[in-house]
């Protein structure tokens, strides 16, 4: 009897947790996976290929609807170079005249064949500036380090 009661309590607790969003902030960033975007970016051959993959419904990364039209927003990917730093900007058009940055990849050349990669989530979308850093190790390729500032 006691074992059955413990089992029922544990099961109810598990179902209650699975129905809640664990890290929900109530901000648009809840509908976008920074770590998923980083993984897609690392597996893309070009900014154009990344734009295609980030907007694919099967990627399960983007579910933003910033213009509240009931459809998932299309994310434009814009590439800019400033010296040894390349910026890859993810941006959504929220009206005909206004764009909202979602996040920016900063790729900084640190040597002939070396670079650092950071993904910085926009404060307006995530509530605070979120930074994911890609590690170089082949064994931890999908394990970015997240920090907030």
N, C-alpha and C. Protein backbone atom coordinates (compact mmCIF):
# COMPACT_ATOMS: atom_id res chain seq x y z
N UNK A 1 0.81 -1.18 0.00
CA UNK A 1 0.00 0.00 0.00
C UNK A 1 0.87 1.26 0.00
N UNK A 2 1.87 1.32 0.87
CA UNK A 2 2.76 2.47 0.96
C UNK A 2 3.50 2.68 -0.35
N UNK A 3 3.98 1.58 -0.96
CA UNK A 3 4.70 1.66 -2.23
C UNK A 3 3.78 2.23 -3.31
N UNK A 4 2.52 1.83 -3.33
CA UNK A 4 1.56 2.34 -4.32
C UNK A 4 1.35 3.84 -4.13
N UNK A 5 1.25 4.28 -2.89
CA UNK A 5 1.05 5.69 -2.61
C UNK A 5 2.24 6.52 -3.06
N UNK A 6 3.45 6.05 -2.78
CA UNK A 6 4.67 6.74 -3.20
C UNK A 6 4.72 6.80 -4.73
N UNK A 7 4.37 5.70 -5.39
CA UNK A 7 4.38 5.65 -6.85
C UNK A 7 3.39 6.67 -7.43
N UNK A 8 2.20 6.77 -6.87
CA UNK A 8 1.18 7.72 -7.34
C UNK A 8 1.67 9.15 -7.16
N UNK A 9 2.26 9.46 -6.02
CA UNK A 9 2.77 10.81 -5.76
C UNK A 9 3.89 11.15 -6.75
N UNK A 10 4.81 10.21 -6.96
CA UNK A 10 5.91 10.45 -7.89
C UNK A 10 5.40 10.63 -9.31
N UNK A 11 4.46 9.81 -9.73
CA UNK A 11 3.92 9.93 -11.09
C UNK A 11 3.21 11.26 -11.29
N UNK A 12 2.41 11.68 -10.31
CA UNK A 12 1.73 12.96 -10.42
C UNK A 12 2.73 14.10 -10.51
N UNK A 13 3.78 14.04 -9.74
CA UNK A 13 4.83 15.06 -9.79
C UNK A 13 5.52 15.09 -11.14
N UNK A 14 5.77 13.92 -11.73
CA UNK A 14 6.42 13.88 -13.03
C UNK A 14 5.52 14.46 -14.10
N UNK A 15 4.24 14.14 -14.08
CA UNK A 15 3.33 14.68 -15.09
C UNK A 15 3.18 16.18 -14.93
N UNK A 16 3.12 16.66 -13.73
CA UNK A 16 2.98 18.10 -13.49
C UNK A 16 4.20 18.83 -14.05
N UNK A 17 5.40 18.27 -13.84
CA UNK A 17 6.60 18.91 -14.35
C UNK A 17 6.67 18.86 -15.86
N UNK A 18 6.24 17.77 -16.46
CA UNK A 18 6.35 17.65 -17.91
C UNK A 18 5.40 18.59 -18.62
N UNK A 19 4.33 19.02 -17.96
CA UNK A 19 3.38 19.94 -18.59
C UNK A 19 3.78 21.39 -18.44
N UNK A 20 4.76 21.70 -17.59
CA UNK A 20 5.20 23.06 -17.37
C UNK A 20 6.45 23.33 -18.20
N UNK A 21 6.61 24.58 -18.62
CA UNK A 21 7.86 24.99 -19.24
C UNK A 21 8.84 25.28 -18.12
N UNK A 22 9.93 24.56 -18.09
CA UNK A 22 10.84 24.65 -16.95
C UNK A 22 11.53 26.01 -16.84
N UNK A 23 12.05 26.57 -17.91
CA UNK A 23 12.80 27.81 -17.84
C UNK A 23 12.07 28.94 -18.54
N UNK A 24 10.77 28.97 -18.48
CA UNK A 24 9.98 29.97 -19.16
C UNK A 24 10.16 31.34 -18.50
N UNK A 25 10.41 32.34 -19.35
CA UNK A 25 10.56 33.72 -18.86
C UNK A 25 9.36 34.58 -19.25
N UNK A 26 8.53 34.05 -20.16
CA UNK A 26 7.42 34.84 -20.68
C UNK A 26 7.86 35.81 -21.77
N UNK A 27 9.12 35.74 -22.18
CA UNK A 27 9.67 36.60 -23.22
C UNK A 27 9.75 35.83 -24.54
N UNK A 28 9.90 36.53 -25.66
CA UNK A 28 9.96 35.84 -26.96
C UNK A 28 11.06 34.78 -27.04
N UNK A 29 12.16 34.96 -26.31
CA UNK A 29 13.26 34.00 -26.34
C UNK A 29 12.86 32.60 -25.92
N UNK A 30 11.72 32.47 -25.22
CA UNK A 30 11.23 31.13 -24.87
C UNK A 30 10.91 30.32 -26.12
N UNK A 31 10.71 31.01 -27.23
CA UNK A 31 10.33 30.36 -28.48
C UNK A 31 11.50 30.20 -29.45
N UNK A 32 12.72 30.29 -28.94
CA UNK A 32 13.90 30.18 -29.78
C UNK A 32 15.01 29.49 -29.00
N UNK A 33 15.66 28.52 -29.62
CA UNK A 33 16.73 27.77 -28.96
C UNK A 33 18.10 28.27 -29.42
N UNK A 34 18.79 28.99 -28.52
CA UNK A 34 20.14 29.45 -28.85
C UNK A 34 21.10 28.28 -29.06
N UNK A 35 21.02 27.28 -28.20
CA UNK A 35 21.93 26.14 -28.35
C UNK A 35 21.62 25.37 -29.63
N UNK A 36 20.35 25.31 -30.01
CA UNK A 36 19.97 24.67 -31.27
C UNK A 36 20.51 25.45 -32.46
N UNK A 37 20.45 26.79 -32.38
CA UNK A 37 20.99 27.64 -33.45
C UNK A 37 22.50 27.44 -33.57
N UNK A 38 23.17 27.36 -32.44
CA UNK A 38 24.62 27.14 -32.46
C UNK A 38 24.96 25.81 -33.13
N UNK A 39 24.24 24.77 -32.80
CA UNK A 39 24.48 23.46 -33.40
C UNK A 39 24.23 23.50 -34.91
N UNK A 40 23.15 24.14 -35.33
CA UNK A 40 22.86 24.27 -36.77
C UNK A 40 23.95 25.06 -37.48
N UNK A 41 24.40 26.14 -36.85
CA UNK A 41 25.43 26.98 -37.44
C UNK A 41 26.73 26.20 -37.65
N UNK A 42 27.12 25.44 -36.63
CA UNK A 42 28.36 24.67 -36.72
C UNK A 42 28.31 23.61 -37.81
N UNK A 43 27.09 23.18 -38.18
CA UNK A 43 26.94 22.16 -39.21
C UNK A 43 26.56 22.73 -40.57
N UNK A 44 26.57 24.06 -40.72
CA UNK A 44 26.21 24.71 -41.98
C UNK A 44 27.47 25.11 -42.74
N UNK A 45 27.42 24.95 -44.06
CA UNK A 45 28.57 25.27 -44.90
C UNK A 45 28.69 26.75 -45.20
N UNK A 46 27.59 27.51 -45.03
CA UNK A 46 27.60 28.93 -45.38
C UNK A 46 26.49 29.64 -44.62
N UNK A 47 26.54 30.98 -44.57
CA UNK A 47 25.42 31.71 -43.95
C UNK A 47 24.09 31.42 -44.65
N UNK A 48 24.11 31.24 -45.95
CA UNK A 48 22.89 30.93 -46.70
C UNK A 48 22.32 29.56 -46.29
N UNK A 49 23.20 28.59 -46.13
CA UNK A 49 22.75 27.26 -45.69
C UNK A 49 22.21 27.32 -44.26
N UNK A 50 22.85 28.14 -43.43
CA UNK A 50 22.37 28.31 -42.06
C UNK A 50 20.99 28.94 -42.05
N UNK A 51 20.78 29.98 -42.88
CA UNK A 51 19.46 30.63 -42.95
C UNK A 51 18.38 29.63 -43.35
N UNK A 52 18.70 28.79 -44.30
CA UNK A 52 17.73 27.77 -44.73
C UNK A 52 17.42 26.80 -43.59
N UNK A 53 18.45 26.36 -42.88
CA UNK A 53 18.22 25.37 -41.81
C UNK A 53 17.53 25.98 -40.59
N UNK A 54 17.84 27.24 -40.25
CA UNK A 54 17.23 27.87 -39.08
C UNK A 54 15.73 28.11 -39.31
N UNK A 55 15.34 28.25 -40.57
CA UNK A 55 13.94 28.49 -40.90
C UNK A 55 13.18 27.23 -41.26
N UNK A 56 13.86 26.10 -41.22
CA UNK A 56 13.20 24.82 -41.49
C UNK A 56 12.35 24.41 -40.29
N UNK A 57 11.12 24.03 -40.57
CA UNK A 57 10.21 23.61 -39.49
C UNK A 57 10.74 22.38 -38.77
N UNK A 58 11.54 21.57 -39.45
CA UNK A 58 12.06 20.34 -38.84
C UNK A 58 13.24 20.59 -37.90
N UNK A 59 13.81 21.81 -37.91
CA UNK A 59 14.96 22.08 -37.05
C UNK A 59 14.55 22.23 -35.59
N UNK A 60 13.28 22.58 -35.32
CA UNK A 60 12.78 22.78 -33.95
C UNK A 60 13.59 23.81 -33.17
N UNK A 61 14.12 24.81 -33.85
CA UNK A 61 14.91 25.86 -33.20
C UNK A 61 14.10 27.15 -33.09
N UNK A 62 13.38 27.50 -34.14
CA UNK A 62 12.69 28.78 -34.21
C UNK A 62 11.18 28.58 -34.17
N UNK A 63 10.55 29.21 -33.18
CA UNK A 63 9.09 29.26 -33.11
C UNK A 63 8.65 30.68 -32.74
N UNK A 64 9.45 31.66 -33.16
CA UNK A 64 9.17 33.06 -32.84
C UNK A 64 7.99 33.59 -33.65
N UNK A 65 7.18 34.42 -33.04
CA UNK A 65 6.11 35.14 -33.72
C UNK A 65 6.07 36.56 -33.15
N UNK A 66 7.09 37.34 -33.50
CA UNK A 66 7.24 38.68 -32.94
C UNK A 66 6.19 39.66 -33.46
N UNK A 67 5.66 39.42 -34.66
CA UNK A 67 4.65 40.32 -35.20
C UNK A 67 3.23 39.87 -34.89
N UNK A 68 3.09 38.82 -34.10
CA UNK A 68 1.79 38.32 -33.64
C UNK A 68 0.80 38.05 -34.77
N UNK A 69 1.30 37.50 -35.89
CA UNK A 69 0.39 37.18 -36.98
C UNK A 69 -0.03 35.71 -37.00
N UNK A 70 0.42 34.96 -36.01
CA UNK A 70 0.06 33.55 -35.92
C UNK A 70 0.98 32.62 -36.69
N UNK A 71 1.99 33.16 -37.36
CA UNK A 71 2.94 32.36 -38.14
C UNK A 71 4.34 32.51 -37.56
N UNK A 72 5.12 31.47 -37.68
CA UNK A 72 6.52 31.53 -37.25
C UNK A 72 7.26 32.52 -38.13
N UNK A 73 8.01 33.43 -37.50
CA UNK A 73 8.74 34.46 -38.23
C UNK A 73 9.91 33.87 -38.99
N UNK A 74 10.16 34.43 -40.18
CA UNK A 74 11.32 34.06 -40.98
C UNK A 74 12.52 34.83 -40.44
N UNK A 75 13.61 34.13 -40.21
CA UNK A 75 14.83 34.76 -39.70
C UNK A 75 15.79 35.00 -40.85
N UNK A 76 16.14 36.28 -41.05
CA UNK A 76 17.14 36.65 -42.05
C UNK A 76 18.52 36.49 -41.40
N UNK A 77 19.47 36.04 -42.19
CA UNK A 77 20.84 35.91 -41.71
C UNK A 77 21.70 36.89 -42.51
N UNK A 78 22.33 37.80 -41.78
CA UNK A 78 23.12 38.87 -42.39
C UNK A 78 24.57 38.70 -41.96
N UNK A 79 25.49 38.72 -42.90
CA UNK A 79 26.91 38.55 -42.61
C UNK A 79 27.64 39.89 -42.80
N UNK A 80 28.43 40.27 -41.80
CA UNK A 80 29.25 41.49 -41.85
C UNK A 80 30.65 41.16 -41.36
N UNK A 81 31.64 41.83 -41.94
CA UNK A 81 33.03 41.64 -41.52
C UNK A 81 33.59 42.97 -41.06
N UNK A 82 34.28 42.94 -39.90
CA UNK A 82 34.93 44.12 -39.35
C UNK A 82 36.31 43.70 -38.88
N UNK A 83 37.31 43.88 -39.75
CA UNK A 83 38.68 43.45 -39.41
C UNK A 83 38.77 41.95 -39.26
N UNK A 84 39.21 41.50 -38.09
CA UNK A 84 39.34 40.06 -37.83
C UNK A 84 38.06 39.46 -37.24
N UNK A 85 36.98 40.25 -37.17
CA UNK A 85 35.73 39.76 -36.59
C UNK A 85 34.66 39.69 -37.67
N UNK A 86 34.03 38.52 -37.77
CA UNK A 86 32.89 38.36 -38.66
C UNK A 86 31.64 38.24 -37.79
N UNK A 87 30.62 39.00 -38.16
CA UNK A 87 29.34 38.95 -37.46
C UNK A 87 28.32 38.26 -38.34
N UNK A 88 27.58 37.33 -37.78
CA UNK A 88 26.46 36.69 -38.45
C UNK A 88 25.24 37.05 -37.60
N UNK A 89 24.39 37.91 -38.16
CA UNK A 89 23.27 38.47 -37.41
C UNK A 89 22.00 37.75 -37.81
N UNK A 90 21.24 37.27 -36.82
CA UNK A 90 19.92 36.69 -37.06
C UNK A 90 18.90 37.76 -36.74
N UNK A 91 18.02 38.05 -37.70
CA UNK A 91 17.13 39.19 -37.58
C UNK A 91 15.75 38.84 -38.14
N UNK A 92 14.71 39.39 -37.50
CA UNK A 92 13.33 39.20 -37.92
C UNK A 92 12.73 40.56 -38.27
N UNK A 93 12.03 40.62 -39.41
CA UNK A 93 11.30 41.84 -39.78
C UNK A 93 9.99 41.82 -39.00
N UNK A 94 9.80 42.79 -38.11
CA UNK A 94 8.56 42.82 -37.33
C UNK A 94 7.54 43.78 -37.94
N UNK A 95 7.99 44.57 -38.91
CA UNK A 95 7.09 45.39 -39.72
C UNK A 95 7.85 45.70 -41.01
N UNK A 96 7.22 46.45 -41.91
CA UNK A 96 7.90 46.79 -43.16
C UNK A 96 9.11 47.68 -42.94
N UNK A 97 9.14 48.41 -41.84
CA UNK A 97 10.23 49.35 -41.61
C UNK A 97 11.08 49.04 -40.38
N UNK A 98 10.75 47.96 -39.65
CA UNK A 98 11.47 47.68 -38.40
C UNK A 98 11.92 46.22 -38.33
N UNK A 99 13.18 46.04 -37.94
CA UNK A 99 13.77 44.71 -37.75
C UNK A 99 14.18 44.54 -36.30
N UNK A 100 14.15 43.29 -35.84
CA UNK A 100 14.57 42.97 -34.47
C UNK A 100 15.68 41.93 -34.54
N UNK A 101 16.84 42.25 -33.97
CA UNK A 101 17.91 41.26 -33.87
C UNK A 101 17.49 40.21 -32.86
N UNK A 102 17.76 38.95 -33.18
CA UNK A 102 17.49 37.84 -32.28
C UNK A 102 18.78 37.47 -31.54
N UNK A 103 19.83 37.28 -32.32
CA UNK A 103 21.13 36.92 -31.76
C UNK A 103 22.20 37.19 -32.82
N UNK A 104 23.45 37.26 -32.36
CA UNK A 104 24.58 37.54 -33.25
C UNK A 104 25.69 36.54 -32.96
N UNK A 105 26.20 35.92 -34.02
CA UNK A 105 27.42 35.12 -33.91
C UNK A 105 28.59 36.06 -34.09
N UNK A 106 29.57 35.99 -33.19
CA UNK A 106 30.82 36.71 -33.35
C UNK A 106 31.92 35.68 -33.55
N UNK A 107 32.55 35.77 -34.71
CA UNK A 107 33.64 34.87 -35.04
C UNK A 107 34.90 35.72 -35.13
N UNK A 108 35.82 35.50 -34.21
CA UNK A 108 37.04 36.30 -34.18
C UNK A 108 38.24 35.42 -34.53
N UNK A 109 38.95 35.85 -35.56
CA UNK A 109 40.15 35.13 -35.98
C UNK A 109 41.23 35.33 -34.93
N UNK A 110 41.76 34.22 -34.42
CA UNK A 110 42.79 34.29 -33.37
C UNK A 110 44.14 33.75 -33.83
N UNK A 111 44.20 33.28 -35.06
CA UNK A 111 45.43 32.75 -35.61
C UNK A 111 45.20 32.39 -37.07
N UNK A 112 46.21 31.81 -37.69
CA UNK A 112 46.09 31.46 -39.10
C UNK A 112 44.93 30.52 -39.35
N UNK A 113 44.81 29.49 -38.53
CA UNK A 113 43.73 28.51 -38.69
C UNK A 113 42.87 28.40 -37.45
N UNK A 114 42.79 29.48 -36.66
CA UNK A 114 42.04 29.41 -35.41
C UNK A 114 41.10 30.60 -35.28
N UNK A 115 39.97 30.35 -34.59
CA UNK A 115 38.99 31.42 -34.35
C UNK A 115 38.18 31.05 -33.11
N UNK A 116 37.60 32.08 -32.50
CA UNK A 116 36.67 31.84 -31.40
C UNK A 116 35.27 32.15 -31.91
N UNK A 117 34.30 31.43 -31.37
CA UNK A 117 32.91 31.58 -31.80
C UNK A 117 32.03 31.79 -30.58
N UNK A 118 31.29 32.89 -30.58
CA UNK A 118 30.33 33.17 -29.53
C UNK A 118 28.99 33.47 -30.18
N UNK A 119 27.92 33.04 -29.54
CA UNK A 119 26.57 33.38 -29.95
C UNK A 119 25.98 34.23 -28.83
N UNK A 120 25.58 35.46 -29.17
CA UNK A 120 25.09 36.39 -28.17
C UNK A 120 23.61 36.64 -28.43
N UNK A 121 22.78 36.23 -27.48
CA UNK A 121 21.34 36.42 -27.58
C UNK A 121 20.97 37.84 -27.18
N UNK A 122 20.07 38.46 -27.94
CA UNK A 122 19.68 39.84 -27.70
C UNK A 122 18.88 39.98 -26.41
N UNK A 123 19.19 41.03 -25.67
CA UNK A 123 18.54 41.29 -24.38
C UNK A 123 17.03 41.51 -24.52
N UNK A 124 16.59 42.14 -25.61
CA UNK A 124 15.16 42.38 -25.81
C UNK A 124 14.38 41.08 -26.00
N UNK A 125 15.03 40.07 -26.49
CA UNK A 125 14.38 38.78 -26.76
C UNK A 125 14.48 37.83 -25.57
N UNK A 126 15.64 37.82 -24.91
CA UNK A 126 15.90 36.84 -23.85
C UNK A 126 15.86 37.42 -22.44
N UNK A 127 15.66 38.75 -22.31
CA UNK A 127 15.57 39.36 -20.99
C UNK A 127 16.90 39.78 -20.41
N UNK A 128 17.94 39.16 -20.87
CA UNK A 128 19.31 39.51 -20.51
C UNK A 128 20.19 39.01 -21.63
N UNK A 129 21.36 39.59 -21.75
CA UNK A 129 22.27 39.16 -22.80
C UNK A 129 22.77 37.76 -22.46
N UNK A 130 22.49 36.80 -23.32
CA UNK A 130 22.95 35.43 -23.13
C UNK A 130 24.08 35.16 -24.10
N UNK A 131 25.14 34.53 -23.62
CA UNK A 131 26.29 34.23 -24.47
C UNK A 131 26.57 32.74 -24.42
N UNK A 132 26.62 32.12 -25.62
CA UNK A 132 27.05 30.74 -25.74
C UNK A 132 28.41 30.76 -26.42
N UNK A 133 29.33 30.00 -25.88
CA UNK A 133 30.67 29.90 -26.46
C UNK A 133 30.85 28.49 -26.99
N UNK A 134 31.26 28.38 -28.24
CA UNK A 134 31.51 27.07 -28.83
C UNK A 134 32.89 26.61 -28.39
N UNK A 135 32.97 25.34 -28.04
CA UNK A 135 34.27 24.77 -27.68
C UNK A 135 34.88 24.11 -28.91
N UNK A 136 36.22 23.97 -28.88
CA UNK A 136 36.91 23.41 -30.04
C UNK A 136 36.92 21.89 -30.06
N UNK A 137 36.72 21.27 -28.91
CA UNK A 137 36.87 19.83 -28.81
C UNK A 137 35.87 19.07 -29.65
N UNK A 138 36.35 18.07 -30.37
CA UNK A 138 35.47 17.26 -31.23
C UNK A 138 34.49 16.47 -30.39
N UNK A 139 34.91 16.07 -29.18
CA UNK A 139 34.03 15.24 -28.35
C UNK A 139 32.95 16.05 -27.66
N UNK A 140 33.12 17.37 -27.55
CA UNK A 140 32.09 18.18 -26.91
C UNK A 140 31.52 19.20 -27.88
N UNK A 141 31.44 18.83 -29.15
CA UNK A 141 30.99 19.71 -30.21
C UNK A 141 29.62 20.31 -29.95
N UNK A 142 28.70 19.56 -29.38
CA UNK A 142 27.35 20.05 -29.14
C UNK A 142 27.16 20.49 -27.70
N UNK A 143 28.25 20.82 -26.98
CA UNK A 143 28.15 21.20 -25.58
C UNK A 143 28.67 22.62 -25.39
N UNK A 144 27.90 23.64 -25.84
CA UNK A 144 28.36 25.01 -25.66
C UNK A 144 28.26 25.41 -24.19
N UNK A 145 29.02 26.41 -23.82
CA UNK A 145 29.01 26.92 -22.45
C UNK A 145 28.17 28.19 -22.44
N UNK A 146 27.12 28.22 -21.63
CA UNK A 146 26.22 29.36 -21.60
C UNK A 146 26.53 30.20 -20.37
N UNK A 147 26.53 31.53 -20.58
CA UNK A 147 26.68 32.42 -19.45
C UNK A 147 25.81 33.64 -19.70
N UNK A 148 25.44 34.31 -18.64
CA UNK A 148 24.64 35.53 -18.77
C UNK A 148 25.46 36.70 -18.29
N UNK A 149 25.15 37.86 -18.84
CA UNK A 149 25.86 39.07 -18.41
C UNK A 149 24.87 40.11 -17.98
